[in-house]
Each structure stands twice: as C-alpha cells, then as structure tokens.
Amino acid sequence: IYSGDEIATLNDYGFLKDEAKSDD
C-alpha cells in the first residue's frame, strides 16, 4: 500500500508554490 492511500488522501497541489518542486 502506498502511504496515505489507506485513508484516501487526495492530491496535494502545494508543490506548485515550491520552486524546487513546481516543475515535477
């Protein structure tokens, strides 16, 4: 199981505000 799937975790769009992660 991928961690978070056991509690139905949704997409996290916070990465778009992080310059180090926004392109991935």
PDB file of all heavy atoms in Angstrom:
ATOM      1  N   ILE A   1       0.855  -1.186   0.000  1.00  0.00           N
ATOM      2  CA  ILE A   1       0.000   0.000   0.000  1.00  0.00           C
ATOM      3  C   ILE A   1       0.891   1.237   0.000  1.00  0.00           C
ATOM      4  O   ILE A   1       1.910   1.267   0.698  1.00  0.00           O
ATOM      5  CB  ILE A   1      -0.899   0.031   1.261  1.00  0.00           C
ATOM      6  CG1 ILE A   1      -1.568  -1.322   1.514  1.00  0.00           C
ATOM      7  CG2 ILE A   1      -1.917   1.158   1.175  1.00  0.00           C
ATOM      8  CD1 ILE A   1      -2.456  -1.807   0.421  1.00  0.00           C
ATOM      9  N   TYR A   2       0.541   2.238  -0.775  1.00  0.00           N
ATOM     10  CA  TYR A   2       1.284   3.493  -0.741  1.00  0.00           C
ATOM     11  C   TYR A   2       0.734   4.344   0.389  1.00  0.00           C
ATOM     12  O   TYR A   2      -0.478   4.584   0.480  1.00  0.00           O
ATOM     13  CB  TYR A   2       1.156   4.217  -2.081  1.00  0.00           C
ATOM     14  CG  TYR A   2       1.945   5.506  -2.157  1.00  0.00           C
ATOM     15  CD1 TYR A   2       3.286   5.555  -1.777  1.00  0.00           C
ATOM     16  CD2 TYR A   2       1.354   6.678  -2.618  1.00  0.00           C
ATOM     17  CE1 TYR A   2       4.006   6.734  -1.854  1.00  0.00           C
ATOM     18  CE2 TYR A   2       2.069   7.863  -2.712  1.00  0.00           C
ATOM     19  CZ  TYR A   2       3.394   7.884  -2.319  1.00  0.00           C
ATOM     20  OH  TYR A   2       4.105   9.063  -2.392  1.00  0.00           O
ATOM     21  N   SER A   3       1.612   4.795   1.268  1.00  0.00           N
ATOM     22  CA  SER A   3       1.206   5.552   2.455  1.00  0.00           C
ATOM     23  C   SER A   3       0.273   6.711   2.092  1.00  0.00           C
ATOM     24  O   SER A   3       0.572   7.523   1.222  1.00  0.00           O
ATOM     25  CB  SER A   3       2.445   6.093   3.166  1.00  0.00           C
ATOM     26  OG  SER A   3       2.088   6.913   4.252  1.00  0.00           O
ATOM     27  N   GLY A   4      -0.832   6.762   2.776  1.00  0.00           N
ATOM     28  CA  GLY A   4      -1.854   7.779   2.529  1.00  0.00           C
ATOM     29  C   GLY A   4      -3.058   7.212   1.810  1.00  0.00           C
ATOM     30  O   GLY A   4      -4.184   7.700   1.994  1.00  0.00           O
ATOM     31  N   ASP A   5      -2.846   6.167   1.007  1.00  0.00           N
ATOM     32  CA  ASP A   5      -3.972   5.561   0.295  1.00  0.00           C
ATOM     33  C   ASP A   5      -4.936   4.873   1.249  1.00  0.00           C
ATOM     34  O   ASP A   5      -6.120   4.713   0.936  1.00  0.00           O
ATOM     35  CB  ASP A   5      -3.471   4.555  -0.744  1.00  0.00           C
ATOM     36  CG  ASP A   5      -2.816   5.234  -1.938  1.00  0.00           C
ATOM     37  OD1 ASP A   5      -2.991   6.459  -2.102  1.00  0.00           O
ATOM     38  OD2 ASP A   5      -2.121   4.536  -2.709  1.00  0.00           O
ATOM     39  N   GLU A   6      -4.430   4.461   2.409  1.00  0.00           N
ATOM     40  CA  GLU A   6      -5.292   3.772   3.378  1.00  0.00           C
ATOM     41  C   GLU A   6      -6.314   4.707   4.006  1.00  0.00           C
ATOM     42  O   GLU A   6      -7.296   4.253   4.609  1.00  0.00           O
ATOM     43  CB  GLU A   6      -4.433   3.106   4.465  1.00  0.00           C
ATOM     44  CG  GLU A   6      -3.852   4.022   5.519  1.00  0.00           C
ATOM     45  CD  GLU A   6      -2.632   4.820   5.062  1.00  0.00           C
ATOM     46  OE1 GLU A   6      -2.235   4.707   3.881  1.00  0.00           O
ATOM     47  OE2 GLU A   6      -2.068   5.561   5.902  1.00  0.00           O
ATOM     48  N   ILE A   7      -6.108   6.030   3.865  1.00  0.00           N
ATOM     49  CA  ILE A   7      -7.090   6.994   4.372  1.00  0.00           C
ATOM     50  C   ILE A   7      -7.595   7.886   3.231  1.00  0.00           C
ATOM     51  O   ILE A   7      -8.094   8.988   3.465  1.00  0.00           O
ATOM     52  CB  ILE A   7      -6.526   7.854   5.522  1.00  0.00           C
ATOM     53  CG1 ILE A   7      -5.195   8.521   5.103  1.00  0.00           C
ATOM     54  CG2 ILE A   7      -6.336   7.017   6.783  1.00  0.00           C
ATOM     55  CD1 ILE A   7      -4.706   9.584   6.072  1.00  0.00           C
ATOM     56  N   ALA A   8      -7.461   7.414   2.000  1.00  0.00           N
ATOM     57  CA  ALA A   8      -7.997   8.111   0.818  1.00  0.00           C
ATOM     58  C   ALA A   8      -7.475   9.535   0.687  1.00  0.00           C
ATOM     59  O   ALA A   8      -8.229  10.494   0.476  1.00  0.00           O
ATOM     60  CB  ALA A   8      -9.532   8.108   0.863  1.00  0.00           C
ATOM     61  N   THR A   9      -6.161   9.696   0.790  1.00  0.00           N
ATOM     62  CA  THR A   9      -5.537  11.015   0.673  1.00  0.00           C
ATOM     63  C   THR A   9      -5.690  11.562  -0.749  1.00  0.00           C
ATOM     64  O   THR A   9      -5.446  10.858  -1.729  1.00  0.00           O
ATOM     65  CB  THR A   9      -4.040  10.926   1.022  1.00  0.00           C
ATOM     66  OG1 THR A   9      -3.917  10.464   2.372  1.00  0.00           O
ATOM     67  CG2 THR A   9      -3.356  12.274   0.886  1.00  0.00           C
ATOM     68  N   LEU A  10      -6.075  12.839  -0.847  1.00  0.00           N
ATOM     69  CA  LEU A  10      -6.281  13.487  -2.144  1.00  0.00           C
ATOM     70  C   LEU A  10      -4.988  14.115  -2.647  1.00  0.00           C
ATOM     71  O   LEU A  10      -3.983  14.184  -1.924  1.00  0.00           O
ATOM     72  CB  LEU A  10      -7.366  14.555  -2.022  1.00  0.00           C
ATOM     73  CG  LEU A  10      -8.733  14.099  -1.494  1.00  0.00           C
ATOM     74  CD1 LEU A  10      -9.677  15.297  -1.381  1.00  0.00           C
ATOM     75  CD2 LEU A  10      -9.339  13.029  -2.399  1.00  0.00           C
ATOM     76  N   ASN A  11      -5.022  14.584  -3.889  1.00  0.00           N
ATOM     77  CA  ASN A  11      -3.873  15.295  -4.446  1.00  0.00           C
ATOM     78  C   ASN A  11      -3.510  16.498  -3.587  1.00  0.00           C
ATOM     79  O   ASN A  11      -4.387  17.177  -3.036  1.00  0.00           O
ATOM     80  CB  ASN A  11      -4.189  15.806  -5.860  1.00  0.00           C
ATOM     81  CG  ASN A  11      -4.267  14.693  -6.878  1.00  0.00           C
ATOM     82  OD1 ASN A  11      -3.744  13.610  -6.685  1.00  0.00           O
ATOM     83  ND2 ASN A  11      -4.932  14.976  -7.993  1.00  0.00           N
ATOM     84  N   ASP A  12      -2.211  16.765  -3.523  1.00  0.00           N
ATOM     85  CA  ASP A  12      -1.703  17.939  -2.807  1.00  0.00           C
ATOM     86  C   ASP A  12      -1.090  18.880  -3.844  1.00  0.00           C
ATOM     87  O   ASP A  12      -0.083  18.559  -4.459  1.00  0.00           O
ATOM     88  CB  ASP A  12      -0.653  17.502  -1.782  1.00  0.00           C
ATOM     89  CG  ASP A  12      -0.033  18.679  -1.035  1.00  0.00           C
ATOM     90  OD1 ASP A  12      -0.500  19.816  -1.232  1.00  0.00           O
ATOM     91  OD2 ASP A  12       0.927  18.447  -0.274  1.00  0.00           O
ATOM     92  N   TYR A  13      -1.715  20.038  -4.035  1.00  0.00           N
ATOM     93  CA  TYR A  13      -1.250  20.968  -5.060  1.00  0.00           C
ATOM     94  C   TYR A  13      -0.273  22.006  -4.516  1.00  0.00           C
ATOM     95  O   TYR A  13       0.108  22.943  -5.216  1.00  0.00           O
ATOM     96  CB  TYR A  13      -2.445  21.661  -5.713  1.00  0.00           C
ATOM     97  CG  TYR A  13      -3.383  20.680  -6.381  1.00  0.00           C
ATOM     98  CD1 TYR A  13      -4.573  20.286  -5.773  1.00  0.00           C
ATOM     99  CD2 TYR A  13      -3.058  20.097  -7.606  1.00  0.00           C
ATOM    100  CE1 TYR A  13      -5.423  19.360  -6.364  1.00  0.00           C
ATOM    101  CE2 TYR A  13      -3.892  19.177  -8.213  1.00  0.00           C
ATOM    102  CZ  TYR A  13      -5.077  18.812  -7.583  1.00  0.00           C
ATOM    103  OH  TYR A  13      -5.912  17.888  -8.179  1.00  0.00           O
ATOM    104  N   GLY A  14       0.160  21.817  -3.284  1.00  0.00           N
ATOM    105  CA  GLY A  14       1.103  22.741  -2.668  1.00  0.00           C
ATOM    106  C   GLY A  14       2.443  22.793  -3.378  1.00  0.00           C
ATOM    107  O   GLY A  14       3.176  23.780  -3.269  1.00  0.00           O
ATOM    108  N   PHE A  15       2.763  21.735  -4.119  1.00  0.00           N
ATOM    109  CA  PHE A  15       4.051  21.693  -4.817  1.00  0.00           C
ATOM    110  C   PHE A  15       4.191  22.824  -5.833  1.00  0.00           C
ATOM    111  O   PHE A  15       5.306  23.253  -6.167  1.00  0.00           O
ATOM    112  CB  PHE A  15       4.235  20.333  -5.519  1.00  0.00           C
ATOM    113  CG  PHE A  15       3.487  20.185  -6.807  1.00  0.00           C
ATOM    114  CD1 PHE A  15       4.120  20.410  -8.024  1.00  0.00           C
ATOM    115  CD2 PHE A  15       2.143  19.820  -6.816  1.00  0.00           C
ATOM    116  CE1 PHE A  15       3.433  20.268  -9.223  1.00  0.00           C
ATOM    117  CE2 PHE A  15       1.454  19.677  -8.008  1.00  0.00           C
ATOM    118  CZ  PHE A  15       2.097  19.902  -9.217  1.00  0.00           C
ATOM    119  N   LEU A  16       3.050  23.329  -6.328  1.00  0.00           N
ATOM    120  CA  LEU A  16       3.077  24.387  -7.341  1.00  0.00           C
ATOM    121  C   LEU A  16       3.654  25.690  -6.788  1.00  0.00           C
ATOM    122  O   LEU A  16       4.143  26.530  -7.544  1.00  0.00           O
ATOM    123  CB  LEU A  16       1.666  24.629  -7.877  1.00  0.00           C
ATOM    124  CG  LEU A  16       1.061  23.472  -8.686  1.00  0.00           C
ATOM    125  CD1 LEU A  16      -0.427  23.697  -8.924  1.00  0.00           C
ATOM    126  CD2 LEU A  16       1.797  23.304 -10.012  1.00  0.00           C
ATOM    127  N   LYS A  17       3.626  25.848  -5.461  1.00  0.00           N
ATOM    128  CA  LYS A  17       4.140  27.070  -4.830  1.00  0.00           C
ATOM    129  C   LYS A  17       5.598  26.932  -4.406  1.00  0.00           C
ATOM    130  O   LYS A  17       6.185  27.879  -3.886  1.00  0.00           O
ATOM    131  CB  LYS A  17       3.280  27.412  -3.609  1.00  0.00           C
ATOM    132  CG  LYS A  17       1.809  27.653  -3.935  1.00  0.00           C
ATOM    133  CD  LYS A  17       0.996  27.875  -2.669  1.00  0.00           C
ATOM    134  CE  LYS A  17      -0.483  28.034  -2.987  1.00  0.00           C
ATOM    135  NZ  LYS A  17      -1.305  28.186  -1.749  1.00  0.00           N
ATOM    136  N   ASP A  18       6.155  25.749  -4.623  1.00  0.00           N
ATOM    137  CA  ASP A  18       7.542  25.472  -4.230  1.00  0.00           C
ATOM    138  C   ASP A  18       8.406  25.435  -5.493  1.00  0.00           C
ATOM    139  O   ASP A  18       8.253  24.553  -6.337  1.00  0.00           O
ATOM    140  CB  ASP A  18       7.615  24.130  -3.487  1.00  0.00           C
ATOM    141  CG  ASP A  18       8.996  23.833  -2.936  1.00  0.00           C
ATOM    142  OD1 ASP A  18       9.991  24.390  -3.440  1.00  0.00           O
ATOM    143  OD2 ASP A  18       9.090  23.018  -1.998  1.00  0.00           O
ATOM    144  N   GLU A  19       9.321  26.400  -5.633  1.00  0.00           N
ATOM    145  CA  GLU A  19      10.132  26.489  -6.852  1.00  0.00           C
ATOM    146  C   GLU A  19      10.948  25.221  -7.095  1.00  0.00           C
ATOM    147  O   GLU A  19      11.202  24.843  -8.240  1.00  0.00           O
ATOM    148  CB  GLU A  19      11.075  27.699  -6.770  1.00  0.00           C
ATOM    149  CG  GLU A  19      10.369  29.036  -6.924  1.00  0.00           C
ATOM    150  CD  GLU A  19      11.346  30.197  -6.972  1.00  0.00           C
ATOM    151  OE1 GLU A  19      12.568  29.942  -7.062  1.00  0.00           O
ATOM    152  OE2 GLU A  19      10.901  31.352  -6.921  1.00  0.00           O
ATOM    153  N   ALA A  20      11.357  24.559  -6.020  1.00  0.00           N
ATOM    154  CA  ALA A  20      12.185  23.357  -6.150  1.00  0.00           C
ATOM    155  C   ALA A  20      11.384  22.156  -6.646  1.00  0.00           C
ATOM    156  O   ALA A  20      11.961  21.167  -7.100  1.00  0.00           O
ATOM    157  CB  ALA A  20      12.841  23.032  -4.818  1.00  0.00           C
ATOM    158  N   LYS A  21      10.048  22.246  -6.567  1.00  0.00           N
ATOM    159  CA  LYS A  21       9.204  21.103  -6.917  1.00  0.00           C
ATOM    160  C   LYS A  21       8.179  21.404  -8.009  1.00  0.00           C
ATOM    161  O   LYS A  21       7.563  20.479  -8.553  1.00  0.00           O
ATOM    162  CB  LYS A  21       8.462  20.603  -5.669  1.00  0.00           C
ATOM    163  CG  LYS A  21       9.381  20.103  -4.564  1.00  0.00           C
ATOM    164  CD  LYS A  21       8.596  19.769  -3.290  1.00  0.00           C
ATOM    165  CE  LYS A  21       9.530  19.294  -2.189  1.00  0.00           C
ATOM    166  NZ  LYS A  21       8.814  19.074  -0.918  1.00  0.00           N
ATOM    167  N   SER A  22       7.986  22.660  -8.323  1.00  0.00           N
ATOM    168  CA  SER A  22       6.868  23.050  -9.192  1.00  0.00           C
ATOM    169  C   SER A  22       6.941  22.464 -10.598  1.00  0.00           C
ATOM    170  O   SER A  22       5.921  22.379 -11.279  1.00  0.00           O
ATOM    171  CB  SER A  22       6.772  24.579  -9.275  1.00  0.00           C
ATOM    172  OG  SER A  22       7.977  25.117  -9.805  1.00  0.00           O
ATOM    173  N   ASP A  23       8.144  22.062 -11.031  1.00  0.00           N
ATOM    174  CA  ASP A  23       8.264  21.503 -12.384  1.00  0.00           C
ATOM    175  C   ASP A  23       8.129  19.982 -12.400  1.00  0.00           C
ATOM    176  O   ASP A  23       8.314  19.348 -13.437  1.00  0.00           O
ATOM    177  CB  ASP A  23       9.603  21.904 -13.007  1.00  0.00           C
ATOM    178  CG  ASP A  23      10.799  21.363 -12.233  1.00  0.00           C
ATOM    179  OD1 ASP A  23      10.605  20.927 -11.078  1.00  0.00           O
ATOM    180  OD2 ASP A  23      11.922  21.380 -12.776  1.00  0.00           O
ATOM    181  N   ASP A  24       7.785  19.390 -11.260  1.00  0.00           N
ATOM    182  CA  ASP A  24       7.632  17.932 -11.157  1.00  0.00           C
ATOM    183  C   ASP A  24       6.312  17.630 -10.461  1.00  0.00           C
ATOM    184  O   ASP A  24       6.216  17.656  -9.234  1.00  0.00           O
ATOM    185  CB  ASP A  24       8.802  17.330 -10.372  1.00  0.00           C
ATOM    186  CG  ASP A  24       8.779  15.800 -10.333  1.00  0.00           C
ATOM    187  OD1 ASP A  24       7.735  15.210 -10.700  1.00  0.00           O
ATOM    188  OD2 ASP A  24       9.784  15.198  -9.922  1.00  0.00           O
TER     189      ASP A  24
END
